[in-house]
């Protein structure tokens, strides 16, 4: 009975997170850097291609928000002056 209880407690604990040796981490880091370096020109070109439309979209969004805020403030002023 005691053995079954101990076995149950041991089985219910989570295993420790995997760890890498220093050499393994070096290898993973160098492989990651190689992949990132090869993809950087692609991401840079995509960013350049979409930059103008992204700026236009953000500008339009800010203008809509500011216009709505101004309209709300004007409406509040109109109501205050009519009272």
N, C-alpha and C. Protein backbone atom coordinates (compact mmCIF):
# COMPACT_ATOMS: atom_id res chain seq x y z
N UNK A 1 0.82 -1.18 0.00
CA UNK A 1 0.00 0.00 0.00
C UNK A 1 0.87 1.26 0.00
N UNK A 2 1.89 1.28 0.81
CA UNK A 2 2.79 2.42 0.90
C UNK A 2 3.54 2.61 -0.42
N UNK A 3 3.92 1.53 -1.05
CA UNK A 3 4.63 1.60 -2.32
C UNK A 3 3.73 2.20 -3.39
N UNK A 4 2.47 1.84 -3.38
CA UNK A 4 1.52 2.37 -4.36
C UNK A 4 1.32 3.86 -4.15
N UNK A 5 1.26 4.33 -2.92
CA UNK A 5 1.08 5.75 -2.63
C UNK A 5 2.30 6.54 -3.08
N UNK A 6 3.49 6.04 -2.80
CA UNK A 6 4.73 6.72 -3.21
C UNK A 6 4.83 6.74 -4.73
N UNK A 7 4.50 5.64 -5.38
CA UNK A 7 4.55 5.58 -6.84
C UNK A 7 3.57 6.57 -7.46
N UNK A 8 2.41 6.73 -6.85
CA UNK A 8 1.42 7.69 -7.36
C UNK A 8 1.93 9.12 -7.21
N UNK A 9 2.53 9.44 -6.09
CA UNK A 9 3.07 10.78 -5.88
C UNK A 9 4.19 11.10 -6.86
N UNK A 10 5.05 10.14 -7.11
CA UNK A 10 6.16 10.35 -8.03
C UNK A 10 5.64 10.49 -9.46
N UNK A 11 4.64 9.73 -9.81
CA UNK A 11 4.09 9.77 -11.17
C UNK A 11 3.34 11.07 -11.44
N UNK A 12 2.84 11.75 -10.42
CA UNK A 12 2.05 12.95 -10.60
C UNK A 12 2.89 14.22 -10.73
N UNK A 13 4.16 14.14 -10.45
CA UNK A 13 4.99 15.34 -10.56
C UNK A 13 5.40 15.56 -12.01
N UNK A 14 5.54 16.82 -12.35
CA UNK A 14 5.93 17.15 -13.73
C UNK A 14 7.41 16.90 -13.91
N UNK A 15 7.78 16.43 -15.08
CA UNK A 15 9.21 16.25 -15.32
C UNK A 15 9.88 17.62 -15.45
N UNK A 16 11.14 17.70 -15.11
CA UNK A 16 11.82 19.01 -15.22
C UNK A 16 11.92 19.44 -16.67
N UNK A 17 11.98 20.75 -16.92
CA UNK A 17 12.09 21.22 -18.30
C UNK A 17 13.41 20.75 -18.91
N UNK A 18 13.40 20.47 -20.20
CA UNK A 18 14.64 20.00 -20.81
C UNK A 18 15.69 21.10 -20.80
N UNK A 19 16.91 20.69 -20.65
CA UNK A 19 18.01 21.64 -20.66
C UNK A 19 18.99 21.24 -21.75
N UNK A 20 19.65 22.24 -22.29
CA UNK A 20 20.66 21.99 -23.32
C UNK A 20 22.04 22.23 -22.76
N UNK A 21 22.95 21.47 -23.23
CA UNK A 21 24.34 21.69 -22.87
C UNK A 21 24.82 22.96 -23.57
N UNK A 22 25.91 23.52 -23.11
CA UNK A 22 26.43 24.76 -23.67
C UNK A 22 26.69 24.62 -25.17
N UNK A 23 27.30 23.52 -25.57
CA UNK A 23 27.60 23.30 -27.00
C UNK A 23 26.31 23.21 -27.82
N UNK A 24 25.30 22.56 -27.26
CA UNK A 24 24.02 22.46 -27.97
C UNK A 24 23.37 23.83 -28.15
N UNK A 25 23.44 24.66 -27.10
CA UNK A 25 22.89 26.01 -27.20
C UNK A 25 23.63 26.83 -28.24
N UNK A 26 24.95 26.68 -28.28
CA UNK A 26 25.74 27.38 -29.30
C UNK A 26 25.30 26.98 -30.69
N UNK A 27 25.08 25.69 -30.91
CA UNK A 27 24.66 25.19 -32.22
C UNK A 27 23.28 25.73 -32.58
N UNK A 28 22.35 25.69 -31.64
CA UNK A 28 21.01 26.20 -31.89
C UNK A 28 21.05 27.69 -32.20
N UNK A 29 21.81 28.44 -31.44
CA UNK A 29 21.93 29.88 -31.68
C UNK A 29 22.51 30.18 -33.06
N UNK A 30 23.54 29.45 -33.45
CA UNK A 30 24.15 29.72 -34.75
C UNK A 30 23.20 29.35 -35.89
N UNK A 31 22.46 28.26 -35.74
CA UNK A 31 21.48 27.89 -36.76
C UNK A 31 20.37 28.92 -36.85
N UNK A 32 19.92 29.42 -35.72
CA UNK A 32 18.89 30.45 -35.69
C UNK A 32 19.39 31.71 -36.40
N UNK A 33 20.60 32.12 -36.07
CA UNK A 33 21.16 33.33 -36.70
C UNK A 33 21.26 33.18 -38.21
N UNK A 34 21.65 32.00 -38.67
CA UNK A 34 21.74 31.77 -40.11
C UNK A 34 20.38 31.91 -40.78
N UNK A 35 19.35 31.34 -40.15
CA UNK A 35 18.00 31.42 -40.71
C UNK A 35 17.50 32.85 -40.69
N UNK A 36 17.71 33.56 -39.61
CA UNK A 36 17.26 34.94 -39.50
C UNK A 36 17.97 35.80 -40.54
N UNK A 37 19.28 35.60 -40.67
CA UNK A 37 20.04 36.40 -41.64
C UNK A 37 19.57 36.14 -43.07
N UNK A 38 19.18 34.91 -43.37
CA UNK A 38 18.71 34.62 -44.73
C UNK A 38 17.31 35.19 -44.98
N UNK A 39 16.51 35.35 -43.93
CA UNK A 39 15.16 35.87 -44.09
C UNK A 39 15.08 37.39 -43.99
N UNK A 40 16.11 38.02 -43.43
CA UNK A 40 16.09 39.47 -43.23
C UNK A 40 15.84 40.25 -44.52
N UNK A 41 16.50 39.94 -45.64
CA UNK A 41 16.21 40.70 -46.87
C UNK A 41 14.74 40.58 -47.31
N UNK A 42 14.17 39.40 -47.12
CA UNK A 42 12.76 39.20 -47.49
C UNK A 42 11.86 40.08 -46.62
N UNK A 43 12.08 40.05 -45.30
CA UNK A 43 11.26 40.87 -44.41
C UNK A 43 11.46 42.36 -44.65
N UNK A 44 12.69 42.75 -44.94
CA UNK A 44 12.95 44.16 -45.23
C UNK A 44 12.22 44.60 -46.49
N UNK A 45 12.22 43.76 -47.53
CA UNK A 45 11.52 44.14 -48.76
C UNK A 45 10.01 44.19 -48.55
N UNK A 46 9.48 43.27 -47.75
CA UNK A 46 8.05 43.30 -47.45
C UNK A 46 7.69 44.55 -46.66
N UNK A 47 8.54 44.92 -45.73
CA UNK A 47 8.30 46.13 -44.94
C UNK A 47 8.31 47.35 -45.85
N UNK A 48 9.28 47.43 -46.73
CA UNK A 48 9.38 48.55 -47.65
C UNK A 48 8.16 48.62 -48.57
N UNK A 49 7.73 47.46 -49.05
CA UNK A 49 6.59 47.42 -49.98
C UNK A 49 5.29 47.85 -49.31
N UNK A 50 5.13 47.56 -48.03
CA UNK A 50 3.87 47.86 -47.35
C UNK A 50 3.93 49.13 -46.49
N UNK A 51 5.07 49.78 -46.44
CA UNK A 51 5.24 50.93 -45.55
C UNK A 51 4.26 52.05 -45.87
N UNK A 52 4.18 52.45 -47.14
CA UNK A 52 3.31 53.57 -47.51
C UNK A 52 1.85 53.29 -47.19
N UNK A 53 1.39 52.09 -47.51
CA UNK A 53 -0.02 51.78 -47.23
C UNK A 53 -0.27 51.68 -45.72
N UNK A 54 0.72 51.20 -44.97
CA UNK A 54 0.55 51.12 -43.51
C UNK A 54 0.49 52.52 -42.91
N UNK A 55 1.34 53.42 -43.38
CA UNK A 55 1.32 54.80 -42.88
C UNK A 55 0.00 55.46 -43.23
N UNK A 56 -0.47 55.26 -44.45
CA UNK A 56 -1.75 55.84 -44.87
C UNK A 56 -2.90 55.32 -44.01
N UNK A 57 -2.90 54.01 -43.75
CA UNK A 57 -3.95 53.41 -42.93
C UNK A 57 -3.93 54.00 -41.52
N UNK A 58 -2.74 54.08 -40.92
CA UNK A 58 -2.64 54.62 -39.56
C UNK A 58 -3.05 56.09 -39.53
N UNK A 59 -2.64 56.84 -40.55
CA UNK A 59 -3.00 58.26 -40.60
C UNK A 59 -4.51 58.42 -40.71
N UNK A 60 -5.14 57.64 -41.58
CA UNK A 60 -6.59 57.69 -41.72
C UNK A 60 -7.28 57.35 -40.40
N UNK A 61 -6.76 56.34 -39.71
CA UNK A 61 -7.36 55.94 -38.44
C UNK A 61 -7.25 57.06 -37.41
N UNK A 62 -6.07 57.69 -37.35
CA UNK A 62 -5.89 58.79 -36.38
C UNK A 62 -6.80 59.96 -36.73
N UNK A 63 -6.95 60.27 -38.02
CA UNK A 63 -7.82 61.36 -38.42
C UNK A 63 -9.27 61.08 -38.05
N UNK A 64 -9.71 59.84 -38.23
CA UNK A 64 -11.08 59.48 -37.87
C UNK A 64 -11.31 59.65 -36.37
N UNK A 65 -10.36 59.20 -35.58
CA UNK A 65 -10.49 59.32 -34.12
C UNK A 65 -10.51 60.78 -33.72
N UNK A 66 -9.57 61.56 -34.23
CA UNK A 66 -9.52 62.99 -33.88
C UNK A 66 -10.77 63.73 -34.34
N UNK A 67 -11.26 63.43 -35.54
CA UNK A 67 -12.48 64.07 -36.04
C UNK A 67 -13.65 63.74 -35.13
N UNK A 68 -13.76 62.49 -34.70
CA UNK A 68 -14.84 62.10 -33.79
C UNK A 68 -14.72 62.84 -32.46
N UNK A 69 -13.49 62.98 -31.96
CA UNK A 69 -13.29 63.70 -30.71
C UNK A 69 -13.68 65.17 -30.85
N UNK A 70 -13.31 65.78 -31.96
CA UNK A 70 -13.65 67.19 -32.20
C UNK A 70 -15.16 67.36 -32.31
N UNK A 71 -15.81 66.48 -33.04
CA UNK A 71 -17.26 66.54 -33.18
C UNK A 71 -17.94 66.41 -31.82
N UNK A 72 -17.45 65.52 -30.99
CA UNK A 72 -18.02 65.33 -29.66
C UNK A 72 -17.84 66.59 -28.81
N UNK A 73 -16.66 67.18 -28.88
CA UNK A 73 -16.40 68.41 -28.12
C UNK A 73 -17.27 69.55 -28.63
N UNK A 74 -17.43 69.68 -29.94
CA UNK A 74 -18.29 70.73 -30.50
C UNK A 74 -19.74 70.55 -30.09
N UNK A 75 -20.19 69.31 -30.10
CA UNK A 75 -21.57 69.03 -29.69
C UNK A 75 -21.77 69.39 -28.22
N UNK A 76 -20.80 69.06 -27.39
CA UNK A 76 -20.89 69.41 -25.97
C UNK A 76 -20.93 70.93 -25.79
N UNK A 77 -20.10 71.66 -26.54
CA UNK A 77 -20.10 73.13 -26.47
C UNK A 77 -21.43 73.71 -26.94
N UNK A 78 -22.00 73.14 -28.00
CA UNK A 78 -23.30 73.61 -28.48
C UNK A 78 -24.37 73.44 -27.43
N UNK A 79 -24.35 72.27 -26.76
CA UNK A 79 -25.35 72.02 -25.72
C UNK A 79 -25.17 72.96 -24.54
N UNK A 80 -23.91 73.25 -24.20
CA UNK A 80 -23.65 74.15 -23.08
C UNK A 80 -24.08 75.58 -23.38
N UNK A 81 -23.88 76.02 -24.63
CA UNK A 81 -24.25 77.40 -24.98
C UNK A 81 -25.74 77.54 -25.16
N UNK A 82 -26.47 76.49 -25.48
CA UNK A 82 -27.91 76.55 -25.65
C UNK A 82 -28.65 76.54 -24.33
N UNK A 83 -28.00 76.21 -23.27
CA UNK A 83 -28.70 76.11 -21.98
C UNK A 83 -28.84 77.42 -21.32
